[in-house]
Amino acid sequence: MNDLILNFDESQTAIYMFLLQTGGVRLTQVEDLQDNLKECYRLVKNGNILQRELDSTVSYWVNPENPEVLTQKISKINKKLKVLLGETLANPYLVTNQKGTYKIKLPMNNVEIL
């Protein structure tokens, strides 16, 4: 999108990257895929995170007893996209919930993660 920079915080960046890489995921699957999410977060942090902190942070995000943590982060991602791009242009970049699966319509080959 004309090389616009998304001003996501580190957690939002990791979650967005994770959803792009997985192609979509159900909330019930996120806990099983938390190693993938940890790797995304480690990349976002440039490796500057202790394993203990990485484990506890990602475990908090994917705790099945507290699913609103992840859904709130997704909501904030979508809000930032809509503010930056406008409702119409943001549409392919938004995280959508399609029959319980959170996904991004944008193909990964159209995304550059710096």
Protein backbone atom coordinates (compact mmCIF):
# COMPACT_ATOMS: atom_id res chain seq x y z
CA MET A 1 0.00 0.00 0.00
CA ASN A 2 2.53 2.58 -1.22
CA ASP A 3 5.04 1.46 1.40
CA LEU A 4 2.93 2.77 4.27
CA ILE A 5 4.35 1.89 7.64
CA LEU A 6 1.94 0.34 10.08
CA ASN A 7 2.57 1.65 13.56
CA PHE A 8 1.67 -1.51 15.39
CA ASP A 9 3.18 -2.17 18.78
CA GLU A 10 5.40 -5.24 19.08
CA SER A 11 2.62 -7.58 20.16
CA GLN A 12 0.34 -6.43 17.34
CA THR A 13 3.14 -6.83 14.81
CA ALA A 14 3.87 -10.37 16.00
CA ILE A 15 0.21 -11.37 15.92
CA TYR A 16 -0.31 -9.88 12.45
CA MET A 17 2.81 -11.63 11.14
CA PHE A 18 1.65 -14.90 12.74
CA LEU A 19 -1.76 -14.67 11.08
CA LEU A 20 -0.19 -13.92 7.70
CA GLN A 21 2.19 -16.86 8.02
CA THR A 22 -0.42 -19.36 9.16
CA GLY A 23 -2.97 -18.28 6.59
CA GLY A 24 -5.60 -18.22 9.31
CA VAL A 25 -6.22 -19.83 12.63
CA ARG A 26 -9.09 -20.69 14.95
CA LEU A 27 -8.84 -19.35 18.50
CA THR A 28 -8.94 -22.96 19.70
CA GLN A 29 -5.79 -23.68 17.63
CA VAL A 30 -3.71 -20.72 18.72
CA GLU A 31 -2.48 -22.39 21.89
CA ASP A 32 -1.23 -25.36 19.85
CA LEU A 33 0.60 -22.98 17.49
CA GLN A 34 2.13 -20.79 20.16
CA ASP A 35 5.68 -21.83 19.17
CA ASN A 36 5.05 -20.16 15.79
CA LEU A 37 3.73 -17.07 17.55
CA LYS A 38 6.74 -17.05 19.88
CA GLU A 39 9.05 -17.10 16.88
CA CYS A 40 7.21 -14.15 15.35
CA TYR A 41 7.48 -12.25 18.61
CA ARG A 42 11.18 -13.13 18.95
CA LEU A 43 11.75 -11.74 15.43
CA VAL A 44 9.88 -8.55 16.25
CA LYS A 45 11.97 -8.14 19.40
CA ASN A 46 15.15 -8.80 17.35
CA GLY A 47 15.94 -11.64 19.73
CA ASN A 48 16.14 -9.20 22.66
CA ILE A 49 13.83 -11.07 24.97
CA LEU A 50 14.47 -13.62 27.67
CA GLN A 51 12.96 -17.03 27.03
CA ARG A 52 11.03 -16.82 30.31
CA GLU A 53 9.47 -13.49 29.29
CA LEU A 54 8.71 -14.77 25.78
CA ASP A 55 6.99 -17.87 27.15
CA SER A 56 4.88 -16.01 29.71
CA THR A 57 3.87 -13.22 27.33
CA VAL A 58 2.73 -15.49 24.51
CA SER A 59 1.05 -17.89 26.95
CA TYR A 60 -0.95 -14.95 28.27
CA TRP A 61 -2.05 -13.99 24.74
CA VAL A 62 -3.21 -17.51 23.83
CA ASN A 63 -4.72 -18.63 27.13
CA PRO A 64 -7.97 -20.41 26.17
CA GLU A 65 -9.52 -19.33 29.47
CA ASN A 66 -8.97 -15.68 28.53
CA PRO A 67 -9.65 -15.45 24.74
CA GLU A 68 -10.54 -11.77 24.93
CA VAL A 69 -6.82 -10.89 25.24
CA LEU A 70 -6.15 -12.01 21.68
CA THR A 71 -9.44 -10.72 20.29
CA GLN A 72 -8.78 -7.30 21.82
CA LYS A 73 -5.34 -7.19 20.21
CA ILE A 74 -6.90 -8.11 16.86
CA SER A 75 -9.52 -5.40 17.31
CA LYS A 76 -6.80 -2.80 17.94
CA ILE A 77 -4.91 -3.96 14.84
CA ASN A 78 -8.03 -3.50 12.73
CA LYS A 79 -8.73 -0.09 14.24
CA LYS A 80 -5.22 1.13 13.36
CA LEU A 81 -5.58 -0.18 9.81
CA LYS A 82 -8.91 1.60 9.34
CA VAL A 83 -7.53 4.88 10.69
CA LEU A 84 -4.47 4.71 8.44
CA LEU A 85 -6.09 3.44 5.25
CA GLY A 86 -9.76 4.25 5.60
CA GLU A 87 -12.56 1.72 5.81
CA THR A 88 -12.56 0.71 2.12
CA LEU A 89 -8.81 0.49 1.47
CA ALA A 90 -8.20 -1.32 4.77
CA ASN A 91 -10.54 -4.18 3.88
CA PRO A 92 -7.99 -6.68 2.42
CA TYR A 93 -5.57 -5.98 5.28
CA LEU A 94 -8.02 -6.49 8.12
CA VAL A 95 -8.04 -9.53 10.36
CA THR A 96 -11.43 -11.08 9.79
CA ASN A 97 -13.31 -13.77 11.65
CA GLN A 98 -14.68 -16.15 9.06
CA LYS A 99 -16.67 -18.95 10.69
CA GLY A 100 -14.42 -18.86 13.74
CA THR A 101 -11.15 -18.60 11.81
CA TYR A 102 -9.11 -15.42 12.11
CA LYS A 103 -7.39 -14.63 8.84
CA ILE A 104 -6.08 -11.84 6.65
CA LYS A 105 -7.25 -11.83 3.04
CA LEU A 106 -3.98 -10.36 1.79
CA PRO A 107 -1.66 -12.97 0.24
CA MET A 108 1.68 -13.26 2.04
CA ASN A 109 3.61 -12.62 -1.20
CA ASN A 110 2.21 -9.07 -1.17
CA VAL A 111 3.70 -8.31 2.24
CA GLU A 112 7.19 -7.26 3.23
CA ILE A 113 8.05 -7.54 6.89
CA LEU A 114 10.98 -5.38 7.92
